[in-house]
C-alpha cells in the first residue's frame, strides 16, 4: 500500500519493541500488483537459472554486474550459457537444502 499506509506504520511501531526496524515499501500504492506480475509475465525455469547464474557470478566468483553480463555473453557465444545456468541453479538449490537441513538438525538437538 506504499510507505504512507497506516497499517505499515502500526506494524513498524510494534516491531520496534523487538529491535531495529527498517521499513522498505513502494513509494505509491501497488494493490494487486503481485498478481499482475505473475499473470502477465510468468517466471520460467530458464529465468530462475539465469538469476542463479548471475548470483553465482556476482557473489561467488566476485564479478561486478557489468562483468557478469559480459561473462554471460561469452558463455552464450560459446554455447555454454544454458548448461552453466542450470548448474548454478542446482548449486543454489543444494546450498539452500543443506542450510535447511542444518537448521533442522540444530532444532532437533544432540
Protein backbone atom coordinates (compact mmCIF):
# COMPACT_ATOMS: atom_id res chain seq x y z
CA UNK A 1 0.00 0.00 0.00
CA UNK A 2 3.00 2.33 -0.10
CA UNK A 3 5.20 3.66 2.65
CA UNK A 4 2.50 6.02 3.95
CA UNK A 5 -0.01 3.21 4.62
CA UNK A 6 -1.35 3.45 8.18
CA UNK A 7 -1.08 -0.30 8.75
CA UNK A 8 2.58 -0.31 7.83
CA UNK A 9 3.29 2.38 10.42
CA UNK A 10 1.46 0.43 13.13
CA UNK A 11 3.34 -2.75 12.22
CA UNK A 12 6.72 -0.98 12.22
CA UNK A 13 6.00 0.61 15.59
CA UNK A 14 5.04 -2.76 17.10
CA UNK A 15 8.14 -4.41 15.67
CA UNK A 16 10.41 -1.73 17.19
CA UNK A 17 9.84 -3.37 20.56
CA UNK A 18 11.84 -6.30 19.17
CA UNK A 19 14.76 -4.29 17.80
CA UNK A 20 15.81 -2.04 14.95
CA UNK A 21 13.26 -1.77 12.15
CA UNK A 22 13.93 -0.75 8.56
CA UNK A 23 10.78 -0.22 6.50
CA UNK A 24 11.11 -0.92 2.78
CA UNK A 25 7.98 -0.24 0.76
CA UNK A 26 6.91 1.11 -2.63
CA UNK A 27 6.65 4.87 -2.96
CA UNK A 28 2.98 4.55 -4.00
CA UNK A 29 0.02 2.21 -3.58
CA UNK A 30 0.51 -1.04 -5.52
CA UNK A 31 -2.52 -3.17 -4.61
CA UNK A 32 -2.77 -6.41 -6.65
CA UNK A 33 0.50 -5.67 -8.46
CA UNK A 34 1.96 -9.01 -7.43
CA UNK A 35 -0.91 -10.80 -9.17
CA UNK A 36 -0.37 -8.90 -12.38
CA UNK A 37 3.32 -9.70 -12.45
CA UNK A 38 2.84 -13.44 -12.46
CA UNK A 39 -0.21 -13.38 -14.73
CA UNK A 40 1.36 -11.22 -17.42
CA UNK A 41 4.98 -12.23 -17.10
CA UNK A 42 5.31 -15.81 -15.89
CA UNK A 43 8.58 -16.92 -14.32
CA UNK A 44 10.11 -19.74 -16.29
CA UNK A 45 12.80 -22.25 -15.31
CA UNK A 46 15.31 -20.56 -17.61
CA UNK A 47 14.66 -17.26 -15.80
CA UNK A 48 15.45 -18.90 -12.45
CA UNK A 49 18.56 -20.48 -13.94
CA UNK A 50 19.76 -17.13 -15.27
CA UNK A 51 19.15 -15.47 -11.89
CA UNK A 52 21.11 -18.26 -10.20
CA UNK A 53 23.98 -17.81 -12.68
CA UNK A 54 24.08 -14.06 -12.11
CA UNK A 55 24.03 -14.63 -8.35
CA UNK A 56 26.86 -17.18 -8.65
CA UNK A 57 29.00 -14.87 -10.78
CA UNK A 58 28.44 -11.83 -8.55
CA UNK A 59 28.52 -13.42 -5.09
CA UNK A 60 30.85 -16.39 -5.52
CA UNK A 61 33.06 -15.52 -8.47
CA UNK A 62 33.14 -11.82 -7.40
CA UNK A 63 32.20 -10.39 -10.79
CA UNK A 64 30.74 -6.92 -10.98
CA UNK A 65 27.27 -6.71 -12.54
CA UNK A 66 28.84 -5.48 -15.77
CA UNK A 67 31.43 -8.26 -15.62
CA UNK A 68 28.69 -10.85 -15.06
CA UNK A 69 26.82 -9.54 -18.12
CA UNK A 70 29.98 -9.85 -20.20
CA UNK A 71 30.68 -13.36 -18.90
CA UNK A 72 27.13 -14.47 -19.70
CA UNK A 73 27.52 -13.05 -23.22
CA UNK A 74 30.77 -15.03 -23.58
CA UNK A 75 29.05 -18.20 -22.35
CA UNK A 76 26.24 -17.63 -24.86
CA UNK A 77 28.74 -17.21 -27.69
CA UNK A 78 30.43 -20.45 -26.60
CA UNK A 79 27.07 -22.21 -26.43
CA UNK A 80 27.62 -22.93 -22.73
CA UNK A 81 25.26 -20.45 -21.06
CA UNK A 82 22.31 -22.82 -20.63
CA UNK A 83 24.47 -25.50 -19.01
CA UNK A 84 26.24 -23.01 -16.73
CA UNK A 85 22.90 -21.51 -15.67
CA UNK A 86 21.43 -24.94 -14.97
CA UNK A 87 24.44 -25.91 -12.83
CA UNK A 88 24.21 -22.61 -10.94
CA UNK A 89 20.54 -23.28 -10.10
CA UNK A 90 21.38 -26.82 -8.95
CA UNK A 91 24.16 -25.50 -6.69
CA UNK A 92 21.83 -22.86 -5.31
CA UNK A 93 19.17 -25.47 -4.56
CA UNK A 94 21.65 -27.82 -2.89
CA UNK A 95 23.04 -24.97 -0.78
CA UNK A 96 19.56 -23.93 0.36
CA UNK A 97 18.62 -27.52 1.13
CA UNK A 98 21.80 -28.03 3.13
CA UNK A 99 21.12 -24.88 5.16
CA UNK A 100 17.58 -26.01 5.91
CA UNK A 101 18.77 -29.47 6.96
CA UNK A 102 21.43 -27.96 9.24
CA UNK A 103 18.77 -25.76 10.85
CA UNK A 104 16.55 -28.80 11.39
CA UNK A 105 19.42 -30.74 12.96
CA UNK A 106 20.08 -27.81 15.29
CA UNK A 107 16.43 -27.72 16.30
CA UNK A 108 16.40 -31.44 16.98
CA UNK A 109 19.48 -31.11 19.19
CA UNK A 110 22.06 -33.77 20.02
